[in-house]
Amino acid sequence: RNVTRSPSLDRLPAGDRSLLEGLKALQAAGTRIAWCAGRMRPDKGADRLHEIVQAMDPGDTGFHLVLQVSGEAVTPMDLDGHQHVTLIGSVLSEPAYEALLGLADILLLPYDPSAYARRVSRVFQEAAIAGRPMLASAGISAESEPHGAAATFLDGWGRWPAHAGALIESDTGARPAGSDRTSLEARCTRWHA
């Protein structure tokens, strides 16, 4: 995917455009956008949402969390109206998904290590190819990649804002050492296989 840092919102459906304009306004005011990309469900980290949101609650952490909760998605707690959380209750259009991938400062992938011990999600692949920094659960298959996997892997999510801030500041999560787009695409193909 050709993802730019400042995505154009002109081609988006009205609802998607409104969502992205709101997030861009938060970002322009200095808030970083953290996105749990893909529909939240147990294998994609729905069981960790409480810990992820609690890490933001002690005060303004400088992050705004975006969650997709459409379809089969589940949320173990009532997040509607949380001041630092945006819930996407519908399926994003492909252009909106690409725009949000370009807009997000960091992707959170709190995947269940047992469910992802031998597979990698499409979201992880797209974020790696797009050069987005990621925080992911320790123990998923991508962690064992010998040349880096464009992510920092966490054992727990209680301090994710500090890890995310450090990762964004260092820019190490966006470009793994010794890799370029071609090698990332080759690794993503191997992970998918």
N, C-alpha and C. Protein backbone atom coordinates (compact mmCIF):
# COMPACT_ATOMS: atom_id res chain seq x y z
N ARG A 1 0.84 -1.19 0.00
CA ARG A 1 0.00 0.00 0.00
C ARG A 1 0.87 1.24 0.00
N ASN A 2 0.40 2.23 -0.70
CA ASN A 2 1.11 3.50 -0.72
C ASN A 2 0.46 4.39 0.32
N VAL A 3 1.02 4.42 1.51
CA VAL A 3 0.44 5.17 2.62
C VAL A 3 1.29 6.40 2.89
N THR A 4 0.65 7.55 2.89
CA THR A 4 1.37 8.79 3.16
C THR A 4 1.09 9.26 4.58
N ARG A 5 1.92 10.11 5.10
CA ARG A 5 1.76 10.62 6.46
C ARG A 5 0.58 11.56 6.57
N SER A 6 0.28 12.33 5.52
CA SER A 6 -0.86 13.24 5.54
C SER A 6 -1.85 12.80 4.47
N PRO A 7 -2.68 11.82 4.80
CA PRO A 7 -3.59 11.28 3.81
C PRO A 7 -4.64 12.29 3.37
N SER A 8 -4.98 12.25 2.09
CA SER A 8 -6.06 13.08 1.57
C SER A 8 -7.38 12.46 1.96
N LEU A 9 -8.30 13.26 2.42
CA LEU A 9 -9.60 12.74 2.86
C LEU A 9 -10.69 13.01 1.83
N ASP A 10 -10.34 13.62 0.71
CA ASP A 10 -11.33 14.02 -0.29
C ASP A 10 -12.12 12.86 -0.86
N ARG A 11 -11.50 11.71 -1.02
CA ARG A 11 -12.18 10.60 -1.69
C ARG A 11 -12.97 9.70 -0.73
N LEU A 12 -13.06 10.08 0.52
CA LEU A 12 -13.73 9.25 1.51
C LEU A 12 -15.23 9.50 1.56
N PRO A 13 -16.01 8.47 1.88
CA PRO A 13 -17.43 8.69 2.16
C PRO A 13 -17.58 9.66 3.33
N ALA A 14 -18.70 10.37 3.39
CA ALA A 14 -18.90 11.44 4.37
C ALA A 14 -18.65 10.99 5.80
N GLY A 15 -19.17 9.83 6.21
CA GLY A 15 -18.99 9.36 7.59
C GLY A 15 -17.53 9.09 7.92
N ASP A 16 -16.84 8.45 6.98
CA ASP A 16 -15.42 8.17 7.17
C ASP A 16 -14.61 9.47 7.20
N ARG A 17 -14.97 10.40 6.34
CA ARG A 17 -14.26 11.68 6.29
C ARG A 17 -14.42 12.42 7.61
N SER A 18 -15.62 12.42 8.17
CA SER A 18 -15.87 13.08 9.44
C SER A 18 -15.02 12.46 10.56
N LEU A 19 -14.97 11.14 10.60
CA LEU A 19 -14.15 10.44 11.59
C LEU A 19 -12.69 10.85 11.47
N LEU A 20 -12.15 10.80 10.26
CA LEU A 20 -10.73 11.10 10.05
C LEU A 20 -10.44 12.58 10.29
N GLU A 21 -11.36 13.47 9.92
CA GLU A 21 -11.15 14.89 10.19
C GLU A 21 -11.07 15.16 11.69
N GLY A 22 -11.93 14.47 12.46
CA GLY A 22 -11.89 14.62 13.91
C GLY A 22 -10.57 14.15 14.50
N LEU A 23 -10.06 13.02 13.99
CA LEU A 23 -8.79 12.51 14.47
C LEU A 23 -7.63 13.41 14.05
N LYS A 24 -7.70 13.95 12.84
CA LYS A 24 -6.66 14.88 12.39
C LYS A 24 -6.64 16.14 13.25
N ALA A 25 -7.83 16.59 13.67
CA ALA A 25 -7.91 17.78 14.54
C ALA A 25 -7.26 17.49 15.90
N LEU A 26 -7.52 16.30 16.45
CA LEU A 26 -6.87 15.93 17.71
C LEU A 26 -5.35 15.90 17.54
N GLN A 27 -4.91 15.34 16.44
CA GLN A 27 -3.48 15.25 16.17
C GLN A 27 -2.86 16.64 16.00
N ALA A 28 -3.57 17.52 15.31
CA ALA A 28 -3.07 18.88 15.12
C ALA A 28 -2.93 19.62 16.46
N ALA A 29 -3.75 19.22 17.44
CA ALA A 29 -3.69 19.83 18.77
C ALA A 29 -2.62 19.18 19.65
N GLY A 30 -1.88 18.22 19.11
CA GLY A 30 -0.78 17.61 19.85
C GLY A 30 -1.05 16.24 20.43
N THR A 31 -2.21 15.68 20.17
CA THR A 31 -2.54 14.34 20.67
C THR A 31 -2.08 13.30 19.66
N ARG A 32 -1.48 12.24 20.15
CA ARG A 32 -1.05 11.16 19.26
C ARG A 32 -2.18 10.14 19.11
N ILE A 33 -2.29 9.60 17.91
CA ILE A 33 -3.35 8.64 17.61
C ILE A 33 -2.78 7.23 17.70
N ALA A 34 -3.37 6.42 18.59
CA ALA A 34 -3.03 5.01 18.73
C ALA A 34 -4.23 4.21 18.22
N TRP A 35 -3.99 3.31 17.29
CA TRP A 35 -5.08 2.57 16.66
C TRP A 35 -4.90 1.08 16.87
N CYS A 36 -5.91 0.44 17.44
CA CYS A 36 -5.99 -1.02 17.46
C CYS A 36 -6.70 -1.40 16.16
N ALA A 37 -5.91 -1.58 15.13
CA ALA A 37 -6.47 -1.80 13.79
C ALA A 37 -7.12 -3.18 13.69
N GLY A 38 -8.16 -3.25 12.89
CA GLY A 38 -8.92 -4.48 12.75
C GLY A 38 -9.99 -4.56 13.82
N ARG A 39 -11.00 -5.38 13.56
CA ARG A 39 -12.10 -5.51 14.52
C ARG A 39 -11.64 -6.20 15.79
N MET A 40 -11.97 -5.59 16.92
CA MET A 40 -11.60 -6.16 18.21
C MET A 40 -12.43 -7.41 18.46
N ARG A 41 -11.73 -8.47 18.81
CA ARG A 41 -12.35 -9.74 19.21
C ARG A 41 -11.34 -10.42 20.12
N PRO A 42 -11.70 -11.50 20.78
CA PRO A 42 -10.80 -12.09 21.78
C PRO A 42 -9.39 -12.39 21.26
N ASP A 43 -9.25 -12.95 20.07
CA ASP A 43 -7.91 -13.27 19.59
C ASP A 43 -7.11 -12.04 19.20
N LYS A 44 -7.79 -10.91 18.96
CA LYS A 44 -7.10 -9.68 18.59
C LYS A 44 -6.93 -8.72 19.77
N GLY A 45 -7.23 -9.17 20.96
CA GLY A 45 -6.92 -8.38 22.14
C GLY A 45 -8.07 -7.77 22.89
N ALA A 46 -9.30 -8.15 22.58
CA ALA A 46 -10.44 -7.57 23.30
C ALA A 46 -10.33 -7.78 24.80
N ASP A 47 -9.72 -8.90 25.20
CA ASP A 47 -9.57 -9.19 26.63
C ASP A 47 -8.54 -8.28 27.30
N ARG A 48 -7.74 -7.58 26.52
CA ARG A 48 -6.71 -6.69 27.06
C ARG A 48 -7.15 -5.22 27.04
N LEU A 49 -8.33 -4.95 26.52
CA LEU A 49 -8.78 -3.56 26.40
C LEU A 49 -8.85 -2.85 27.75
N HIS A 50 -9.31 -3.54 28.77
CA HIS A 50 -9.41 -2.91 30.08
C HIS A 50 -8.03 -2.40 30.52
N GLU A 51 -7.01 -3.24 30.39
CA GLU A 51 -5.65 -2.85 30.78
C GLU A 51 -5.13 -1.71 29.90
N ILE A 52 -5.43 -1.76 28.60
CA ILE A 52 -4.98 -0.73 27.68
C ILE A 52 -5.60 0.62 28.02
N VAL A 53 -6.90 0.62 28.27
CA VAL A 53 -7.60 1.88 28.59
C VAL A 53 -7.21 2.36 29.98
N GLN A 54 -7.05 1.45 30.94
CA GLN A 54 -6.64 1.84 32.29
C GLN A 54 -5.29 2.54 32.27
N ALA A 55 -4.41 2.16 31.36
CA ALA A 55 -3.10 2.80 31.26
C ALA A 55 -3.22 4.26 30.86
N MET A 56 -4.36 4.64 30.28
CA MET A 56 -4.60 6.02 29.87
C MET A 56 -5.33 6.82 30.94
N ASP A 57 -6.05 6.18 31.83
CA ASP A 57 -6.94 6.85 32.76
C ASP A 57 -6.31 7.74 33.82
N PRO A 58 -5.08 7.46 34.30
CA PRO A 58 -4.55 8.32 35.37
C PRO A 58 -4.45 9.79 34.99
N GLY A 59 -4.53 10.11 33.77
CA GLY A 59 -4.46 11.50 33.31
C GLY A 59 -4.32 11.51 31.82
N ASP A 60 -4.13 12.64 31.27
CA ASP A 60 -3.97 12.74 29.82
C ASP A 60 -2.59 12.23 29.44
N THR A 61 -2.53 11.10 28.76
CA THR A 61 -1.27 10.48 28.39
C THR A 61 -0.74 11.01 27.07
N GLY A 62 -1.51 11.88 26.41
CA GLY A 62 -1.09 12.38 25.11
C GLY A 62 -1.51 11.49 23.97
N PHE A 63 -2.27 10.42 24.29
CA PHE A 63 -2.74 9.50 23.25
C PHE A 63 -4.26 9.47 23.21
N HIS A 64 -4.77 9.23 22.02
CA HIS A 64 -6.19 8.99 21.80
C HIS A 64 -6.28 7.62 21.14
N LEU A 65 -7.07 6.73 21.69
CA LEU A 65 -7.17 5.35 21.24
C LEU A 65 -8.35 5.20 20.28
N VAL A 66 -8.11 4.56 19.14
CA VAL A 66 -9.15 4.29 18.16
C VAL A 66 -9.36 2.78 18.10
N LEU A 67 -10.63 2.35 18.25
CA LEU A 67 -10.99 0.93 18.24
C LEU A 67 -12.08 0.67 17.22
N GLN A 68 -11.93 -0.41 16.47
CA GLN A 68 -12.99 -0.86 15.57
C GLN A 68 -13.79 -1.93 16.30
N VAL A 69 -15.07 -1.68 16.47
CA VAL A 69 -15.92 -2.60 17.22
C VAL A 69 -17.14 -3.02 16.41
N SER A 70 -16.97 -3.15 15.12
CA SER A 70 -18.09 -3.54 14.26
C SER A 70 -18.16 -5.05 14.11
N GLY A 71 -19.31 -5.53 13.68
CA GLY A 71 -19.49 -6.95 13.40
C GLY A 71 -19.39 -7.80 14.64
N GLU A 72 -18.52 -8.82 14.59
CA GLU A 72 -18.38 -9.78 15.67
C GLU A 72 -17.54 -9.26 16.83
N ALA A 73 -17.15 -8.02 16.75
CA ALA A 73 -16.26 -7.45 17.75
C ALA A 73 -16.91 -7.45 19.13
N VAL A 74 -16.06 -7.52 20.13
CA VAL A 74 -16.54 -7.46 21.51
C VAL A 74 -15.71 -6.47 22.28
N THR A 75 -16.33 -5.81 23.22
CA THR A 75 -15.59 -4.95 24.14
C THR A 75 -16.02 -5.34 25.54
N PRO A 76 -15.09 -5.67 26.42
CA PRO A 76 -15.43 -6.14 27.77
C PRO A 76 -15.85 -5.03 28.72
N MET A 77 -15.86 -3.81 28.25
CA MET A 77 -16.21 -2.71 29.13
C MET A 77 -16.93 -1.64 28.30
N ASP A 78 -17.63 -0.78 28.95
CA ASP A 78 -18.33 0.28 28.24
C ASP A 78 -17.36 1.41 27.94
N LEU A 79 -17.00 1.56 26.67
CA LEU A 79 -16.05 2.59 26.28
C LEU A 79 -16.73 3.77 25.60
N ASP A 80 -17.99 3.64 25.29
CA ASP A 80 -18.69 4.71 24.60
C ASP A 80 -18.68 5.97 25.46
N GLY A 81 -18.15 7.04 24.93
CA GLY A 81 -18.09 8.29 25.65
C GLY A 81 -16.80 8.52 26.42
N HIS A 82 -15.89 7.56 26.42
CA HIS A 82 -14.59 7.75 27.08
C HIS A 82 -13.87 8.89 26.36
N GLN A 83 -13.34 9.85 27.10
CA GLN A 83 -12.79 11.05 26.48
C GLN A 83 -11.55 10.80 25.63
N HIS A 84 -10.86 9.66 25.82
CA HIS A 84 -9.65 9.39 25.05
C HIS A 84 -9.82 8.19 24.12
N VAL A 85 -11.07 7.83 23.82
CA VAL A 85 -11.34 6.67 22.97
C VAL A 85 -12.37 7.02 21.91
N THR A 86 -12.08 6.63 20.67
CA THR A 86 -13.05 6.72 19.58
C THR A 86 -13.39 5.30 19.15
N LEU A 87 -14.69 4.99 19.15
CA LEU A 87 -15.16 3.69 18.70
C LEU A 87 -15.66 3.80 17.27
N ILE A 88 -15.20 2.91 16.42
CA ILE A 88 -15.69 2.84 15.04
C ILE A 88 -16.66 1.67 15.00
N GLY A 89 -17.93 1.97 14.86
CA GLY A 89 -18.96 0.95 14.92
C GLY A 89 -19.38 0.40 13.57
N SER A 90 -18.73 0.84 12.51
CA SER A 90 -19.07 0.34 11.18
C SER A 90 -17.79 -0.14 10.50
N VAL A 91 -17.95 -0.81 9.40
CA VAL A 91 -16.80 -1.27 8.63
C VAL A 91 -16.22 -0.07 7.89
N LEU A 92 -14.92 0.13 8.01
CA LEU A 92 -14.26 1.23 7.30
C LEU A 92 -14.16 0.91 5.81
N SER A 93 -14.33 1.93 5.00
CA SER A 93 -14.08 1.75 3.57
C SER A 93 -12.59 1.54 3.37
N GLU A 94 -12.20 0.95 2.26
CA GLU A 94 -10.78 0.72 1.97
C GLU A 94 -9.99 2.03 1.98
N PRO A 95 -10.49 3.10 1.33
CA PRO A 95 -9.74 4.37 1.40
C PRO A 95 -9.63 4.92 2.83
N ALA A 96 -10.66 4.73 3.65
CA ALA A 96 -10.61 5.21 5.04
C ALA A 96 -9.60 4.40 5.85
N TYR A 97 -9.57 3.10 5.61
CA TYR A 97 -8.60 2.24 6.30
C TYR A 97 -7.19 2.70 5.96
N GLU A 98 -6.92 2.93 4.69
CA GLU A 98 -5.61 3.39 4.26
C GLU A 98 -5.28 4.76 4.85
N ALA A 99 -6.27 5.65 4.88
CA ALA A 99 -6.05 6.98 5.45
C ALA A 99 -5.75 6.89 6.95
N LEU A 100 -6.47 6.04 7.66
CA LEU A 100 -6.23 5.89 9.10
C LEU A 100 -4.87 5.24 9.35
N LEU A 101 -4.47 4.31 8.49
CA LEU A 101 -3.14 3.72 8.61
C LEU A 101 -2.07 4.79 8.43
N GLY A 102 -2.29 5.71 7.51
CA GLY A 102 -1.34 6.80 7.31
C GLY A 102 -1.37 7.83 8.41
N LEU A 103 -2.51 8.01 9.05
CA LEU A 103 -2.67 9.01 10.10
C LEU A 103 -2.17 8.54 11.46
N ALA A 104 -2.35 7.27 11.76
CA ALA A 104 -2.02 6.75 13.09
C ALA A 104 -0.55 6.96 13.42
N ASP A 105 -0.30 7.42 14.63
CA ASP A 105 1.08 7.58 15.10
C ASP A 105 1.67 6.23 15.47
N ILE A 106 0.82 5.33 15.98
CA ILE A 106 1.28 3.99 16.38
C ILE A 106 0.11 3.03 16.32
N LEU A 107 0.40 1.78 15.99
CA LEU A 107 -0.61 0.74 16.01
C LEU A 107 -0.40 -0.15 17.22
N LEU A 108 -1.49 -0.48 17.89
CA LEU A 108 -1.45 -1.39 19.03
C LEU A 108 -2.06 -2.71 18.56
N LEU A 109 -1.29 -3.77 18.71
CA LEU A 109 -1.73 -5.10 18.29
C LEU A 109 -1.62 -6.04 19.49
N PRO A 110 -2.62 -5.97 20.40
CA PRO A 110 -2.55 -6.75 21.64
C PRO A 110 -3.02 -8.19 21.44
N TYR A 111 -2.56 -8.83 20.38
CA TYR A 111 -3.02 -10.15 19.99
C TYR A 111 -2.73 -11.22 21.04
N ASP A 112 -3.60 -12.21 21.10
CA ASP A 112 -3.42 -13.36 21.98
C ASP A 112 -2.25 -14.19 21.46
N PRO A 113 -1.18 -14.33 22.25
CA PRO A 113 0.00 -15.05 21.77
C PRO A 113 -0.29 -16.49 21.35
N SER A 114 -1.22 -17.17 22.02
CA SER A 114 -1.50 -18.55 21.63
C SER A 114 -2.22 -18.61 20.28
N ALA A 115 -3.08 -17.64 20.01
CA ALA A 115 -3.80 -17.62 18.73
C ALA A 115 -2.88 -17.21 17.57
N TYR A 116 -1.85 -16.42 17.88
CA TYR A 116 -0.94 -15.92 16.83
C TYR A 116 0.47 -16.50 16.96
N ALA A 117 0.60 -17.64 17.62
CA ALA A 117 1.91 -18.27 17.79
C ALA A 117 2.48 -18.77 16.47
N ARG A 118 1.60 -19.10 15.51
CA ARG A 118 2.07 -19.65 14.24
C ARG A 118 1.48 -18.93 13.04
N ARG A 119 0.96 -17.76 13.26
CA ARG A 119 0.41 -16.99 12.15
C ARG A 119 0.63 -15.50 12.41
N VAL A 120 0.49 -14.71 11.37
CA VAL A 120 0.60 -13.26 11.46
C VAL A 120 -0.62 -12.66 10.78
N SER A 121 -1.17 -11.62 11.37
CA SER A 121 -2.38 -11.02 10.80
C SER A 121 -2.05 -10.12 9.61
N ARG A 122 -3.06 -9.92 8.77
CA ARG A 122 -2.92 -9.01 7.64
C ARG A 122 -2.63 -7.59 8.13
N VAL A 123 -3.24 -7.19 9.24
CA VAL A 123 -3.02 -5.86 9.80
C VAL A 123 -1.54 -5.67 10.14
N PHE A 124 -0.94 -6.68 10.77
CA PHE A 124 0.47 -6.59 11.11
C PHE A 124 1.30 -6.42 9.84
N GLN A 125 0.99 -7.17 8.82
CA GLN A 125 1.72 -7.10 7.56
C GLN A 125 1.58 -5.72 6.92
N GLU A 126 0.37 -5.20 6.88
CA GLU A 126 0.14 -3.89 6.26
C GLU A 126 0.87 -2.79 7.02
N ALA A 127 0.83 -2.85 8.33
CA ALA A 127 1.52 -1.84 9.13
C ALA A 127 3.03 -1.92 8.93
N ALA A 128 3.58 -3.12 8.86
CA ALA A 128 5.01 -3.29 8.64
C ALA A 128 5.41 -2.74 7.28
N ILE A 129 4.66 -3.07 6.25
CA ILE A 129 4.97 -2.59 4.91
C ILE A 129 4.85 -1.07 4.83
N ALA A 130 3.85 -0.52 5.52
CA ALA A 130 3.63 0.93 5.50
C ALA A 130 4.63 1.68 6.38
N GLY A 131 5.43 0.95 7.16
CA GLY A 131 6.42 1.59 8.02
C GLY A 131 5.84 2.23 9.26
N ARG A 132 4.69 1.76 9.72
CA ARG A 132 4.08 2.30 10.93
C ARG A 132 4.70 1.64 12.14
N PRO A 133 5.01 2.39 13.18
CA PRO A 133 5.49 1.77 14.42
C PRO A 133 4.36 1.00 15.08
N MET A 134 4.73 -0.14 15.69
CA MET A 134 3.73 -1.01 16.30
C MET A 134 4.18 -1.48 17.67
N LEU A 135 3.22 -1.61 18.57
CA LEU A 135 3.40 -2.33 19.81
C LEU A 135 2.55 -3.59 19.67
N ALA A 136 3.15 -4.74 19.92
CA ALA A 136 2.44 -6.00 19.76
C ALA A 136 2.70 -6.88 20.98
N SER A 137 1.87 -7.88 21.16
CA SER A 137 2.02 -8.79 22.29
C SER A 137 3.24 -9.67 22.12
N ALA A 138 3.99 -9.82 23.18
CA ALA A 138 5.11 -10.75 23.18
C ALA A 138 4.55 -12.16 22.99
N GLY A 139 5.32 -12.98 22.27
CA GLY A 139 4.92 -14.37 22.08
C GLY A 139 4.24 -14.65 20.76
N ILE A 140 3.90 -13.59 19.98
CA ILE A 140 3.32 -13.87 18.67
C ILE A 140 4.45 -14.25 17.71
N SER A 141 4.11 -14.92 16.63
CA SER A 141 5.12 -15.48 15.73
C SER A 141 6.08 -14.44 15.17
N ALA A 142 5.64 -13.24 14.89
CA ALA A 142 6.51 -12.22 14.29
C ALA A 142 7.67 -11.85 15.21
N GLU A 143 7.53 -12.08 16.51
CA GLU A 143 8.59 -11.73 17.44
C GLU A 143 9.85 -12.55 17.20
N SER A 144 9.71 -13.73 16.65
CA SER A 144 10.88 -14.59 16.44
C SER A 144 11.60 -14.30 15.12
N GLU A 145 11.13 -13.33 14.36
CA GLU A 145 11.78 -12.96 13.09
C GLU A 145 13.19 -12.47 13.40
N PRO A 146 14.23 -13.09 12.81
CA PRO A 146 15.60 -12.74 13.17
C PRO A 146 16.06 -11.34 12.76
N HIS A 147 15.42 -10.72 11.80
CA HIS A 147 15.87 -9.42 11.32
C HIS A 147 14.95 -8.28 11.75
N GLY A 148 14.21 -8.48 12.78
CA GLY A 148 13.31 -7.43 13.26
C GLY A 148 11.96 -7.54 12.57
N ALA A 149 10.94 -7.11 13.24
CA ALA A 149 9.60 -7.26 12.70
C ALA A 149 8.84 -5.95 12.69
N ALA A 150 9.54 -4.83 12.75
CA ALA A 150 8.90 -3.51 12.74
C ALA A 150 7.99 -3.29 13.92
N ALA A 151 8.27 -3.96 15.04
CA ALA A 151 7.41 -3.84 16.22
C ALA A 151 8.24 -3.96 17.49
N THR A 152 7.68 -3.42 18.57
CA THR A 152 8.19 -3.67 19.90
C THR A 152 7.17 -4.58 20.57
N PHE A 153 7.65 -5.63 21.22
CA PHE A 153 6.76 -6.64 21.78
C PHE A 153 6.67 -6.48 23.29
N LEU A 154 5.44 -6.46 23.80
CA LEU A 154 5.17 -6.20 25.22
C LEU A 154 4.63 -7.45 25.91
N ASP A 155 5.09 -7.68 27.15
CA ASP A 155 4.54 -8.76 27.97
C ASP A 155 3.23 -8.32 28.63
N GLY A 156 3.09 -7.04 28.88
CA GLY A 156 1.88 -6.50 29.49
C GLY A 156 1.58 -5.14 28.88
N TRP A 157 0.33 -4.71 28.99
CA TRP A 157 -0.11 -3.47 28.33
C TRP A 157 -0.33 -2.32 29.30
N GLY A 158 0.02 -2.50 30.55
CA GLY A 158 -0.21 -1.47 31.56
C GLY A 158 0.62 -0.20 31.39
N ARG A 159 1.71 -0.27 30.64
CA ARG A 159 2.57 0.90 30.43
C ARG A 159 2.74 1.20 28.94
N TRP A 160 1.76 0.82 28.13
CA TRP A 160 1.92 1.01 26.69
C TRP A 160 2.13 2.47 26.29
N PRO A 161 1.51 3.47 26.95
CA PRO A 161 1.77 4.85 26.50
C PRO A 161 3.24 5.25 26.58
N ALA A 162 3.94 4.81 27.64
CA ALA A 162 5.36 5.13 27.76
C ALA A 162 6.17 4.44 26.66
N HIS A 163 5.85 3.17 26.40
CA HIS A 163 6.54 2.44 25.33
C HIS A 163 6.25 3.08 23.98
N ALA A 164 5.00 3.46 23.76
CA ALA A 164 4.61 4.07 22.48
C ALA A 164 5.32 5.40 22.27
N GLY A 165 5.35 6.23 23.32
CA GLY A 165 6.02 7.51 23.21
C GLY A 165 7.49 7.36 22.87
N ALA A 166 8.15 6.43 23.55
CA ALA A 166 9.58 6.19 23.29
C ALA A 166 9.79 5.67 21.88
N LEU A 167 8.93 4.78 21.43
CA LEU A 167 9.05 4.20 20.09
C LEU A 167 8.84 5.26 19.01
N ILE A 168 7.86 6.12 19.20
CA ILE A 168 7.60 7.18 18.23
C ILE A 168 8.76 8.16 18.19
N GLU A 169 9.25 8.53 19.37
CA GLU A 169 10.36 9.48 19.43
C GLU A 169 11.62 8.93 18.78
N SER A 170 11.88 7.64 18.96
CA SER A 170 13.10 7.05 18.41
C SER A 170 12.96 6.68 16.95
N ASP A 171 11.72 6.50 16.48
CA ASP A 171 11.42 6.11 15.10
C ASP A 171 11.97 4.73 14.76
N THR A 172 12.39 3.95 15.77
CA THR A 172 12.93 2.62 15.48
C THR A 172 11.85 1.64 15.07
N GLY A 173 10.64 1.85 15.51
CA GLY A 173 9.58 0.91 15.15
C GLY A 173 9.16 1.03 13.72
N ALA A 174 9.42 2.16 13.09
CA ALA A 174 8.97 2.34 11.72
C ALA A 174 9.92 1.72 10.71
N ARG A 175 11.20 1.59 11.05
CA ARG A 175 12.16 1.07 10.10
C ARG A 175 13.10 0.08 10.79
N PRO A 176 12.77 -1.21 10.74
CA PRO A 176 13.65 -2.17 11.38
C PRO A 176 15.04 -2.15 10.76
N ALA A 177 16.05 -2.40 11.57
CA ALA A 177 17.43 -2.37 11.09
C ALA A 177 17.63 -3.35 9.95
N GLY A 178 18.35 -2.89 8.92
CA GLY A 178 18.71 -3.75 7.81
C GLY A 178 17.56 -4.16 6.93
N SER A 179 16.48 -3.40 6.91
CA SER A 179 15.36 -3.80 6.08
C SER A 179 14.92 -2.65 5.20
N ASP A 180 14.32 -3.00 4.11
CA ASP A 180 13.70 -2.03 3.23
C ASP A 180 12.32 -2.57 2.87
N ARG A 181 11.58 -1.83 2.07
CA ARG A 181 10.22 -2.24 1.73
C ARG A 181 10.18 -3.62 1.09
N THR A 182 11.14 -3.91 0.21
CA THR A 182 11.16 -5.21 -0.47
C THR A 182 11.36 -6.34 0.52
N SER A 183 12.31 -6.19 1.45
CA SER A 183 12.54 -7.27 2.41
C SER A 183 11.35 -7.41 3.36
N LEU A 184 10.70 -6.29 3.73
CA LEU A 184 9.51 -6.39 4.57
C LEU A 184 8.41 -7.14 3.84
N GLU A 185 8.20 -6.83 2.56
CA GLU A 185 7.17 -7.53 1.80
C GLU A 185 7.48 -9.02 1.69
N ALA A 186 8.78 -9.36 1.49
CA ALA A 186 9.17 -10.76 1.42
C ALA A 186 8.90 -11.46 2.73
N ARG A 187 9.22 -10.82 3.88
CA ARG A 187 8.96 -11.41 5.18
C ARG A 187 7.47 -11.56 5.42
N CYS A 188 6.67 -10.55 5.04
CA CYS A 188 5.23 -10.64 5.22
C CYS A 188 4.67 -11.79 4.42
N THR A 189 5.18 -12.01 3.20
CA THR A 189 4.73 -13.13 2.39
C THR A 189 5.07 -14.44 3.08
N ARG A 190 6.27 -14.54 3.66
CA ARG A 190 6.69 -15.75 4.35
C ARG A 190 5.83 -15.96 5.60
N TRP A 191 5.57 -14.88 6.37
CA TRP A 191 4.72 -15.01 7.56
C TRP A 191 3.34 -15.51 7.18
N HIS A 192 2.80 -14.94 6.10
CA HIS A 192 1.45 -15.32 5.67
C HIS A 192 1.42 -16.80 5.28
N ALA A 193 2.47 -17.26 4.58
CA ALA A 193 2.53 -18.66 4.17
C ALA A 193 2.57 -19.58 5.40
